[in-house]
PDB file of all heavy atoms in Angstrom:
ATOM      1  N   MET A   1      -1.475  -5.201  12.536  1.00  0.00           N
ATOM      2  CA  MET A   1      -0.115  -5.068  13.045  1.00  0.00           C
ATOM      3  C   MET A   1       0.760  -4.263  12.084  1.00  0.00           C
ATOM      4  O   MET A   1       1.523  -3.386  12.503  1.00  0.00           O
ATOM      5  CB  MET A   1       0.483  -6.459  13.274  1.00  0.00           C
ATOM      6  CG  MET A   1       1.920  -6.452  13.830  1.00  0.00           C
ATOM      7  SD  MET A   1       3.214  -6.324  12.557  1.00  0.00           S
ATOM      8  CE  MET A   1       3.108  -7.965  11.823  1.00  0.00           C
ATOM      9  N   LEU A   2       0.638  -4.537  10.779  1.00  0.00           N
ATOM     10  CA  LEU A   2       1.456  -3.838   9.790  1.00  0.00           C
ATOM     11  C   LEU A   2       1.028  -2.375   9.649  1.00  0.00           C
ATOM     12  O   LEU A   2       1.877  -1.491   9.440  1.00  0.00           O
ATOM     13  CB  LEU A   2       1.378  -4.556   8.447  1.00  0.00           C
ATOM     14  CG  LEU A   2       2.119  -5.903   8.416  1.00  0.00           C
ATOM     15  CD1 LEU A   2       1.714  -6.717   7.192  1.00  0.00           C
ATOM     16  CD2 LEU A   2       3.630  -5.694   8.425  1.00  0.00           C
ATOM     17  N   ARG A   3      -0.248  -2.102   9.789  1.00  0.00           N
ATOM     18  CA  ARG A   3      -0.707  -0.707   9.761  1.00  0.00           C
ATOM     19  C   ARG A   3      -0.146   0.059  10.958  1.00  0.00           C
ATOM     20  O   ARG A   3       0.299   1.206  10.832  1.00  0.00           O
ATOM     21  CB  ARG A   3      -2.236  -0.657   9.755  1.00  0.00           C
ATOM     22  CG  ARG A   3      -2.864  -1.117   8.445  1.00  0.00           C
ATOM     23  CD  ARG A   3      -4.389  -1.054   8.508  1.00  0.00           C
ATOM     24  NE  ARG A   3      -5.009  -1.427   7.245  1.00  0.00           N
ATOM     25  CZ  ARG A   3      -5.312  -2.662   6.887  1.00  0.00           C
ATOM     26  NH1 ARG A   3      -5.052  -3.678   7.724  1.00  0.00           N
ATOM     27  NH2 ARG A   3      -5.865  -2.912   5.715  1.00  0.00           N
ATOM     28  N   GLN A   4      -0.164  -0.583  12.129  1.00  0.00           N
ATOM     29  CA  GLN A   4       0.402   0.042  13.322  1.00  0.00           C
ATOM     30  C   GLN A   4       1.910   0.244  13.176  1.00  0.00           C
ATOM     31  O   GLN A   4       2.453   1.273  13.578  1.00  0.00           O
ATOM     32  CB  GLN A   4       0.099  -0.820  14.549  1.00  0.00           C
ATOM     33  CG  GLN A   4      -1.370  -0.848  14.931  1.00  0.00           C
ATOM     34  CD  GLN A   4      -1.678  -1.863  16.025  1.00  0.00           C
ATOM     35  OE1 GLN A   4      -0.778  -2.480  16.583  1.00  0.00           O
ATOM     36  NE2 GLN A   4      -2.957  -2.029  16.327  1.00  0.00           N
ATOM     37  N   TYR A   5       2.573  -0.743  12.581  1.00  0.00           N
ATOM     38  CA  TYR A   5       4.015  -0.644  12.369  1.00  0.00           C
ATOM     39  C   TYR A   5       4.337   0.519  11.428  1.00  0.00           C
ATOM     40  O   TYR A   5       5.320   1.251  11.631  1.00  0.00           O
ATOM     41  CB  TYR A   5       4.544  -1.957  11.798  1.00  0.00           C
ATOM     42  CG  TYR A   5       6.047  -2.034  11.673  1.00  0.00           C
ATOM     43  CD1 TYR A   5       6.874  -1.771  12.760  1.00  0.00           C
ATOM     44  CD2 TYR A   5       6.642  -2.363  10.463  1.00  0.00           C
ATOM     45  CE1 TYR A   5       8.257  -1.837  12.640  1.00  0.00           C
ATOM     46  CE2 TYR A   5       8.015  -2.436  10.333  1.00  0.00           C
ATOM     47  CZ  TYR A   5       8.813  -2.168  11.425  1.00  0.00           C
ATOM     48  OH  TYR A   5      10.185  -2.229  11.302  1.00  0.00           O
ATOM     49  N   SER A   6       3.506   0.697  10.412  1.00  0.00           N
ATOM     50  CA  SER A   6       3.675   1.816   9.494  1.00  0.00           C
ATOM     51  C   SER A   6       3.578   3.144  10.229  1.00  0.00           C
ATOM     52  O   SER A   6       4.349   4.080   9.972  1.00  0.00           O
ATOM     53  CB  SER A   6       2.620   1.748   8.388  1.00  0.00           C
ATOM     54  OG  SER A   6       2.646   2.898   7.579  1.00  0.00           O
ATOM     55  N   GLN A   7       2.651   3.227  11.179  1.00  0.00           N
ATOM     56  CA  GLN A   7       2.495   4.442  11.980  1.00  0.00           C
ATOM     57  C   GLN A   7       3.691   4.650  12.901  1.00  0.00           C
ATOM     58  O   GLN A   7       4.155   5.788  13.087  1.00  0.00           O
ATOM     59  CB  GLN A   7       1.200   4.369  12.785  1.00  0.00           C
ATOM     60  CG  GLN A   7      -0.059   4.407  11.923  1.00  0.00           C
ATOM     61  CD  GLN A   7      -1.331   4.160  12.717  1.00  0.00           C
ATOM     62  OE1 GLN A   7      -1.284   3.901  13.919  1.00  0.00           O
ATOM     63  NE2 GLN A   7      -2.472   4.244  12.054  1.00  0.00           N
ATOM     64  N   GLN A   8       4.193   3.556  13.480  1.00  0.00           N
ATOM     65  CA  GLN A   8       5.375   3.653  14.343  1.00  0.00           C
ATOM     66  C   GLN A   8       6.581   4.177  13.571  1.00  0.00           C
ATOM     67  O   GLN A   8       7.384   4.955  14.095  1.00  0.00           O
ATOM     68  CB  GLN A   8       5.707   2.286  14.940  1.00  0.00           C
ATOM     69  CG  GLN A   8       4.708   1.770  15.957  1.00  0.00           C
ATOM     70  CD  GLN A   8       5.003   0.340  16.386  1.00  0.00           C
ATOM     71  OE1 GLN A   8       6.081  -0.188  16.125  1.00  0.00           O
ATOM     72  NE2 GLN A   8       4.038  -0.293  17.044  1.00  0.00           N
ATOM     73  N   LEU A   9       6.699   3.752  12.318  1.00  0.00           N
ATOM     74  CA  LEU A   9       7.806   4.217  11.480  1.00  0.00           C
ATOM     75  C   LEU A   9       7.557   5.615  10.927  1.00  0.00           C
ATOM     76  O   LEU A   9       8.434   6.189  10.274  1.00  0.00           O
ATOM     77  CB  LEU A   9       8.019   3.241  10.315  1.00  0.00           C
ATOM     78  CG  LEU A   9       8.456   1.817  10.661  1.00  0.00           C
ATOM     79  CD1 LEU A   9       8.558   0.968   9.392  1.00  0.00           C
ATOM     80  CD2 LEU A   9       9.789   1.815  11.397  1.00  0.00           C
ATOM     81  N   ARG A  10       6.343   6.154  11.180  1.00  0.00           N
ATOM     82  CA  ARG A  10       5.944   7.479  10.704  1.00  0.00           C
ATOM     83  C   ARG A  10       6.064   7.594   9.183  1.00  0.00           C
ATOM     84  O   ARG A  10       6.569   8.570   8.646  1.00  0.00           O
ATOM     85  CB  ARG A  10       6.773   8.567  11.403  1.00  0.00           C
ATOM     86  CG  ARG A  10       6.556   8.587  12.914  1.00  0.00           C
ATOM     87  CD  ARG A  10       7.348   9.675  13.571  1.00  0.00           C
ATOM     88  NE  ARG A  10       7.122   9.699  15.026  1.00  0.00           N
ATOM     89  CZ  ARG A  10       7.707  10.542  15.858  1.00  0.00           C
ATOM     90  NH1 ARG A  10       8.570  11.446  15.392  1.00  0.00           N
ATOM     91  NH2 ARG A  10       7.447  10.498  17.151  1.00  0.00           N
ATOM     92  N   LEU A  11       5.577   6.568   8.525  1.00  0.00           N
ATOM     93  CA  LEU A  11       5.671   6.532   7.072  1.00  0.00           C
ATOM     94  C   LEU A  11       4.676   7.501   6.434  1.00  0.00           C
ATOM     95  O   LEU A  11       3.549   7.661   6.897  1.00  0.00           O
ATOM     96  CB  LEU A  11       5.408   5.118   6.557  1.00  0.00           C
ATOM     97  CG  LEU A  11       6.414   4.040   6.966  1.00  0.00           C
ATOM     98  CD1 LEU A  11       6.058   2.719   6.327  1.00  0.00           C
ATOM     99  CD2 LEU A  11       7.831   4.447   6.578  1.00  0.00           C
ATOM    100  N   LYS A  12       5.120   8.117   5.359  1.00  0.00           N
ATOM    101  CA  LYS A  12       4.276   8.974   4.547  1.00  0.00           C
ATOM    102  C   LYS A  12       4.285   8.420   3.124  1.00  0.00           C
ATOM    103  O   LYS A  12       5.033   7.515   2.801  1.00  0.00           O
ATOM    104  CB  LYS A  12       4.772  10.410   4.589  1.00  0.00           C
ATOM    105  CG  LYS A  12       4.694  11.036   5.988  1.00  0.00           C
ATOM    106  CD  LYS A  12       5.188  12.466   5.980  1.00  0.00           C
ATOM    107  CE  LYS A  12       5.100  13.077   7.379  1.00  0.00           C
ATOM    108  NZ  LYS A  12       5.586  14.486   7.395  1.00  0.00           N
ATOM    109  N   GLN A  13       3.424   8.984   2.282  1.00  0.00           N
ATOM    110  CA  GLN A  13       3.322   8.532   0.888  1.00  0.00           C
ATOM    111  C   GLN A  13       2.991   7.039   0.826  1.00  0.00           C
ATOM    112  O   GLN A  13       3.535   6.299   0.013  1.00  0.00           O
ATOM    113  CB  GLN A  13       4.622   8.800   0.124  1.00  0.00           C
ATOM    114  CG  GLN A  13       5.113  10.244   0.167  1.00  0.00           C
ATOM    115  CD  GLN A  13       6.634  10.296   0.246  1.00  0.00           C
ATOM    116  OE1 GLN A  13       7.209  10.794   1.220  1.00  0.00           O
ATOM    117  NE2 GLN A  13       7.295   9.773  -0.770  1.00  0.00           N
ATOM    118  N   ILE A  14       2.104   6.594   1.701  1.00  0.00           N
ATOM    119  CA  ILE A  14       1.731   5.177   1.752  1.00  0.00           C
ATOM    120  C   ILE A  14       0.252   5.044   2.081  1.00  0.00           C
ATOM    121  O   ILE A  14      -0.294   5.847   2.862  1.00  0.00           O
ATOM    122  CB  ILE A  14       2.579   4.408   2.793  1.00  0.00           C
ATOM    123  CG1 ILE A  14       2.242   2.907   2.779  1.00  0.00           C
ATOM    124  CG2 ILE A  14       2.396   4.983   4.191  1.00  0.00           C
ATOM    125  CD1 ILE A  14       3.155   2.064   3.631  1.00  0.00           C
ATOM    126  N   ASP A  15      -0.401   4.056   1.470  1.00  0.00           N
ATOM    127  CA  ASP A  15      -1.799   3.744   1.782  1.00  0.00           C
ATOM    128  C   ASP A  15      -1.979   2.237   1.821  1.00  0.00           C
ATOM    129  O   ASP A  15      -1.347   1.496   1.056  1.00  0.00           O
ATOM    130  CB  ASP A  15      -2.745   4.336   0.734  1.00  0.00           C
ATOM    131  CG  ASP A  15      -2.939   5.830   0.917  1.00  0.00           C
ATOM    132  OD1 ASP A  15      -3.413   6.232   1.996  1.00  0.00           O
ATOM    133  OD2 ASP A  15      -2.599   6.593  -0.011  1.00  0.00           O
ATOM    134  N   PHE A  16      -2.846   1.787   2.738  1.00  0.00           N
ATOM    135  CA  PHE A  16      -3.217   0.376   2.840  1.00  0.00           C
ATOM    136  C   PHE A  16      -4.617   0.197   2.270  1.00  0.00           C
ATOM    137  O   PHE A  16      -5.529   0.977   2.568  1.00  0.00           O
ATOM    138  CB  PHE A  16      -3.208  -0.080   4.302  1.00  0.00           C
ATOM    139  CG  PHE A  16      -1.837  -0.321   4.860  1.00  0.00           C
ATOM    140  CD1 PHE A  16      -1.045   0.738   5.287  1.00  0.00           C
ATOM    141  CD2 PHE A  16      -1.331  -1.612   4.983  1.00  0.00           C
ATOM    142  CE1 PHE A  16       0.215   0.528   5.802  1.00  0.00           C
ATOM    143  CE2 PHE A  16      -0.070  -1.842   5.501  1.00  0.00           C
ATOM    144  CZ  PHE A  16       0.710  -0.768   5.920  1.00  0.00           C
ATOM    145  N   TYR A  17      -4.788  -0.844   1.471  1.00  0.00           N
ATOM    146  CA  TYR A  17      -6.088  -1.172   0.900  1.00  0.00           C
ATOM    147  C   TYR A  17      -6.444  -2.611   1.273  1.00  0.00           C
ATOM    148  O   TYR A  17      -5.570  -3.467   1.358  1.00  0.00           O
ATOM    149  CB  TYR A  17      -6.071  -1.036  -0.629  1.00  0.00           C
ATOM    150  CG  TYR A  17      -5.765   0.359  -1.111  1.00  0.00           C
ATOM    151  CD1 TYR A  17      -4.446   0.769  -1.301  1.00  0.00           C
ATOM    152  CD2 TYR A  17      -6.784   1.267  -1.372  1.00  0.00           C
ATOM    153  CE1 TYR A  17      -4.153   2.054  -1.751  1.00  0.00           C
ATOM    154  CE2 TYR A  17      -6.497   2.553  -1.829  1.00  0.00           C
ATOM    155  CZ  TYR A  17      -5.177   2.938  -2.008  1.00  0.00           C
ATOM    156  OH  TYR A  17      -4.889   4.206  -2.446  1.00  0.00           O
ATOM    157  N   ASN A  18      -7.716  -2.881   1.473  1.00  0.00           N
ATOM    158  CA  ASN A  18      -8.160  -4.242   1.763  1.00  0.00           C
ATOM    159  C   ASN A  18      -8.194  -5.063   0.476  1.00  0.00           C
ATOM    160  O   ASN A  18      -7.841  -4.586  -0.597  1.00  0.00           O
ATOM    161  CB  ASN A  18      -9.531  -4.226   2.434  1.00  0.00           C
ATOM    162  CG  ASN A  18      -9.477  -3.588   3.818  1.00  0.00           C
ATOM    163  OD1 ASN A  18      -8.490  -3.742   4.533  1.00  0.00           O
ATOM    164  ND2 ASN A  18     -10.532  -2.878   4.183  1.00  0.00           N
ATOM    165  N   PHE A  19      -8.659  -6.317   0.591  1.00  0.00           N
ATOM    166  CA  PHE A  19      -8.807  -7.156  -0.592  1.00  0.00           C
ATOM    167  C   PHE A  19      -9.709  -6.471  -1.617  1.00  0.00           C
ATOM    168  O   PHE A  19     -10.824  -6.051  -1.291  1.00  0.00           O
ATOM    169  CB  PHE A  19      -9.427  -8.509  -0.229  1.00  0.00           C
ATOM    170  CG  PHE A  19      -8.480  -9.447   0.456  1.00  0.00           C
ATOM    171  CD1 PHE A  19      -8.758  -9.917   1.730  1.00  0.00           C
ATOM    172  CD2 PHE A  19      -7.324  -9.877  -0.166  1.00  0.00           C
ATOM    173  CE1 PHE A  19      -7.895 -10.802   2.365  1.00  0.00           C
ATOM    174  CE2 PHE A  19      -6.455 -10.752   0.449  1.00  0.00           C
ATOM    175  CZ  PHE A  19      -6.739 -11.211   1.724  1.00  0.00           C
ATOM    176  N   GLN A  20      -9.224  -6.353  -2.822  1.00  0.00           N
ATOM    177  CA  GLN A  20     -10.021  -5.798  -3.914  1.00  0.00           C
ATOM    178  C   GLN A  20      -9.348  -6.137  -5.234  1.00  0.00           C
ATOM    179  O   GLN A  20      -8.174  -6.531  -5.263  1.00  0.00           O
ATOM    180  CB  GLN A  20     -10.177  -4.291  -3.759  1.00  0.00           C
ATOM    181  CG  GLN A  20      -8.887  -3.522  -3.628  1.00  0.00           C
ATOM    182  CD  GLN A  20      -9.166  -2.068  -3.286  1.00  0.00           C
ATOM    183  OE1 GLN A  20      -9.615  -1.310  -4.136  1.00  0.00           O
ATOM    184  NE2 GLN A  20      -8.937  -1.699  -2.050  1.00  0.00           N
ATOM    185  N   PRO A  21     -10.060  -6.022  -6.332  1.00  0.00           N
ATOM    186  CA  PRO A  21      -9.449  -6.340  -7.627  1.00  0.00           C
ATOM    187  C   PRO A  21      -8.174  -5.513  -7.838  1.00  0.00           C
ATOM    188  O   PRO A  21      -8.221  -4.281  -7.765  1.00  0.00           O
ATOM    189  CB  PRO A  21     -10.541  -5.979  -8.632  1.00  0.00           C
ATOM    190  CG  PRO A  21     -11.816  -6.109  -7.858  1.00  0.00           C
ATOM    191  CD  PRO A  21     -11.482  -5.672  -6.464  1.00  0.00           C
ATOM    192  N   PRO A  22      -7.049  -6.165  -8.103  1.00  0.00           N
ATOM    193  CA  PRO A  22      -5.785  -5.420  -8.185  1.00  0.00           C
ATOM    194  C   PRO A  22      -5.518  -4.757  -9.526  1.00  0.00           C
ATOM    195  O   PRO A  22      -4.569  -3.979  -9.649  1.00  0.00           O
ATOM    196  CB  PRO A  22      -4.737  -6.510  -7.912  1.00  0.00           C
ATOM    197  CG  PRO A  22      -5.356  -7.771  -8.397  1.00  0.00           C
ATOM    198  CD  PRO A  22      -6.829  -7.624  -8.155  1.00  0.00           C
ATOM    199  N   ARG A  23      -6.337  -5.054 -10.531  1.00  0.00           N
ATOM    200  CA  ARG A  23      -6.045  -4.539 -11.871  1.00  0.00           C
ATOM    201  C   ARG A  23      -5.799  -3.028 -11.922  1.00  0.00           C
ATOM    202  O   ARG A  23      -4.828  -2.583 -12.558  1.00  0.00           O
ATOM    203  CB  ARG A  23      -7.143  -4.931 -12.852  1.00  0.00           C
ATOM    204  CG  ARG A  23      -6.893  -4.400 -14.255  1.00  0.00           C
ATOM    205  CD  ARG A  23      -7.828  -4.995 -15.275  1.00  0.00           C
ATOM    206  NE  ARG A  23      -7.522  -4.496 -16.627  1.00  0.00           N
ATOM    207  CZ  ARG A  23      -7.846  -5.128 -17.735  1.00  0.00           C
ATOM    208  NH1 ARG A  23      -8.507  -6.272 -17.676  1.00  0.00           N
ATOM    209  NH2 ARG A  23      -7.527  -4.615 -18.916  1.00  0.00           N
ATOM    210  N   PRO A  24      -6.635  -2.185 -11.292  1.00  0.00           N
ATOM    211  CA  PRO A  24      -6.365  -0.739 -11.342  1.00  0.00           C
ATOM    212  C   PRO A  24      -4.995  -0.362 -10.794  1.00  0.00           C
ATOM    213  O   PRO A  24      -4.377   0.599 -11.272  1.00  0.00           O
ATOM    214  CB  PRO A  24      -7.491  -0.142 -10.484  1.00  0.00           C
ATOM    215  CG  PRO A  24      -8.578  -1.166 -10.520  1.00  0.00           C
ATOM    216  CD  PRO A  24      -7.879  -2.482 -10.565  1.00  0.00           C
ATOM    217  N   PHE A  25      -4.511  -1.118  -9.815  1.00  0.00           N
ATOM    218  CA  PHE A  25      -3.197  -0.856  -9.242  1.00  0.00           C
ATOM    219  C   PHE A  25      -2.087  -1.291 -10.204  1.00  0.00           C
ATOM    220  O   PHE A  25      -1.071  -0.608 -10.348  1.00  0.00           O
ATOM    221  CB  PHE A  25      -3.054  -1.561  -7.905  1.00  0.00           C
ATOM    222  CG  PHE A  25      -4.011  -1.065  -6.859  1.00  0.00           C
ATOM    223  CD1 PHE A  25      -5.239  -1.677  -6.673  1.00  0.00           C
ATOM    224  CD2 PHE A  25      -3.697   0.025  -6.066  1.00  0.00           C
ATOM    225  CE1 PHE A  25      -6.135  -1.225  -5.722  1.00  0.00           C
ATOM    226  CE2 PHE A  25      -4.583   0.501  -5.103  1.00  0.00           C
ATOM    227  CZ  PHE A  25      -5.802  -0.138  -4.933  1.00  0.00           C
ATOM    228  N   TYR A  26      -2.287  -2.453 -10.860  1.00  0.00           N
ATOM    229  CA  TYR A  26      -1.318  -2.909 -11.856  1.00  0.00           C
ATOM    230  C   TYR A  26      -1.199  -1.894 -12.994  1.00  0.00           C
ATOM    231  O   TYR A  26      -0.106  -1.640 -13.511  1.00  0.00           O
ATOM    232  CB  TYR A  26      -1.735  -4.258 -12.457  1.00  0.00           C
ATOM    233  CG  TYR A  26      -1.736  -5.435 -11.514  1.00  0.00           C
ATOM    234  CD1 TYR A  26      -2.659  -6.471 -11.673  1.00  0.00           C
ATOM    235  CD2 TYR A  26      -0.807  -5.538 -10.486  1.00  0.00           C
ATOM    236  CE1 TYR A  26      -2.659  -7.574 -10.833  1.00  0.00           C
ATOM    237  CE2 TYR A  26      -0.803  -6.637  -9.636  1.00  0.00           C
ATOM    238  CZ  TYR A  26      -1.735  -7.650  -9.814  1.00  0.00           C
ATOM    239  OH  TYR A  26      -1.731  -8.740  -8.978  1.00  0.00           O
ATOM    240  N   GLU A  27      -2.336  -1.334 -13.386  1.00  0.00           N
ATOM    241  CA  GLU A  27      -2.344  -0.433 -14.537  1.00  0.00           C
ATOM    242  C   GLU A  27      -1.545   0.840 -14.288  1.00  0.00           C
ATOM    243  O   GLU A  27      -0.856   1.337 -15.192  1.00  0.00           O
ATOM    244  CB  GLU A  27      -3.789  -0.093 -14.916  1.00  0.00           C
ATOM    245  CG  GLU A  27      -4.544  -1.270 -15.526  1.00  0.00           C
ATOM    246  CD  GLU A  27      -5.990  -0.945 -15.831  1.00  0.00           C
ATOM    247  OE1 GLU A  27      -6.543  -0.011 -15.207  1.00  0.00           O
ATOM    248  OE2 GLU A  27      -6.580  -1.627 -16.689  1.00  0.00           O
ATOM    249  N   LYS A  28      -1.614   1.371 -13.072  1.00  0.00           N
ATOM    250  CA  LYS A  28      -0.939   2.654 -12.833  1.00  0.00           C
ATOM    251  C   LYS A  28       0.450   2.520 -12.216  1.00  0.00           C
ATOM    252  O   LYS A  28       1.266   3.444 -12.316  1.00  0.00           O
ATOM    253  CB  LYS A  28      -1.817   3.539 -11.940  1.00  0.00           C
ATOM    254  CG  LYS A  28      -1.962   3.067 -10.514  1.00  0.00           C
ATOM    255  CD  LYS A  28      -2.823   4.045  -9.710  1.00  0.00           C
ATOM    256  CE  LYS A  28      -2.955   3.616  -8.252  1.00  0.00           C
ATOM    257  NZ  LYS A  28      -3.749   4.582  -7.456  1.00  0.00           N
ATOM    258  N   ALA A  29       0.756   1.371 -11.597  1.00  0.00           N
ATOM    259  CA  ALA A  29       2.040   1.223 -10.904  1.00  0.00           C
ATOM    260  C   ALA A  29       3.188   1.011 -11.883  1.00  0.00           C
ATOM    261  O   ALA A  29       3.054   0.310 -12.885  1.00  0.00           O
ATOM    262  CB  ALA A  29       1.977   0.069  -9.919  1.00  0.00           C
ATOM    263  N   ALA A  30       4.334   1.587 -11.550  1.00  0.00           N
ATOM    264  CA  ALA A  30       5.546   1.388 -12.348  1.00  0.00           C
ATOM    265  C   ALA A  30       6.357   0.209 -11.838  1.00  0.00           C
ATOM    266  O   ALA A  30       7.057  -0.456 -12.606  1.00  0.00           O
ATOM    267  CB  ALA A  30       6.404   2.655 -12.323  1.00  0.00           C
ATOM    268  N   ILE A  31       6.252  -0.066 -10.520  1.00  0.00           N
ATOM    269  CA  ILE A  31       7.081  -1.093  -9.879  1.00  0.00           C
ATOM    270  C   ILE A  31       6.215  -1.912  -8.931  1.00  0.00           C
ATOM    271  O   ILE A  31       5.354  -1.363  -8.234  1.00  0.00           O
ATOM    272  CB  ILE A  31       8.235  -0.444  -9.078  1.00  0.00           C
ATOM    273  CG1 ILE A  31       9.113   0.426  -9.992  1.00  0.00           C
ATOM    274  CG2 ILE A  31       9.083  -1.500  -8.373  1.00  0.00           C
ATOM    275  CD1 ILE A  31      10.075   1.330  -9.233  1.00  0.00           C
ATOM    276  N   ILE A  32       6.448  -3.221  -8.895  1.00  0.00           N
ATOM    277  CA  ILE A  32       5.810  -4.082  -7.897  1.00  0.00           C
ATOM    278  C   ILE A  32       6.899  -4.730  -7.050  1.00  0.00           C
ATOM    279  O   ILE A  32       7.886  -5.248  -7.571  1.00  0.00           O
ATOM    280  CB  ILE A  32       4.897  -5.148  -8.531  1.00  0.00           C
ATOM    281  CG1 ILE A  32       4.229  -5.988  -7.426  1.00  0.00           C
ATOM    282  CG2 ILE A  32       5.637  -6.025  -9.542  1.00  0.00           C
ATOM    283  CD1 ILE A  32       3.078  -6.850  -7.912  1.00  0.00           C
ATOM    284  N   CYS A  33       6.717  -4.688  -5.734  1.00  0.00           N
ATOM    285  CA  CYS A  33       7.712  -5.213  -4.804  1.00  0.00           C
ATOM    286  C   CYS A  33       7.205  -6.465  -4.101  1.00  0.00           C
ATOM    287  O   CYS A  33       6.034  -6.544  -3.716  1.00  0.00           O
ATOM    288  CB  CYS A  33       8.066  -4.163  -3.746  1.00  0.00           C
ATOM    289  SG  CYS A  33       9.058  -2.802  -4.374  1.00  0.00           S
TER     290      CYS A  33
END
């Protein structure tokens, strides 16, 4: 539903990832929301 909603909003600069170890994302991200 959220992936479809993202498409409805025509969002760019966004990616969805499934369950996976989050450490690589923590390491490179500047902000967590």
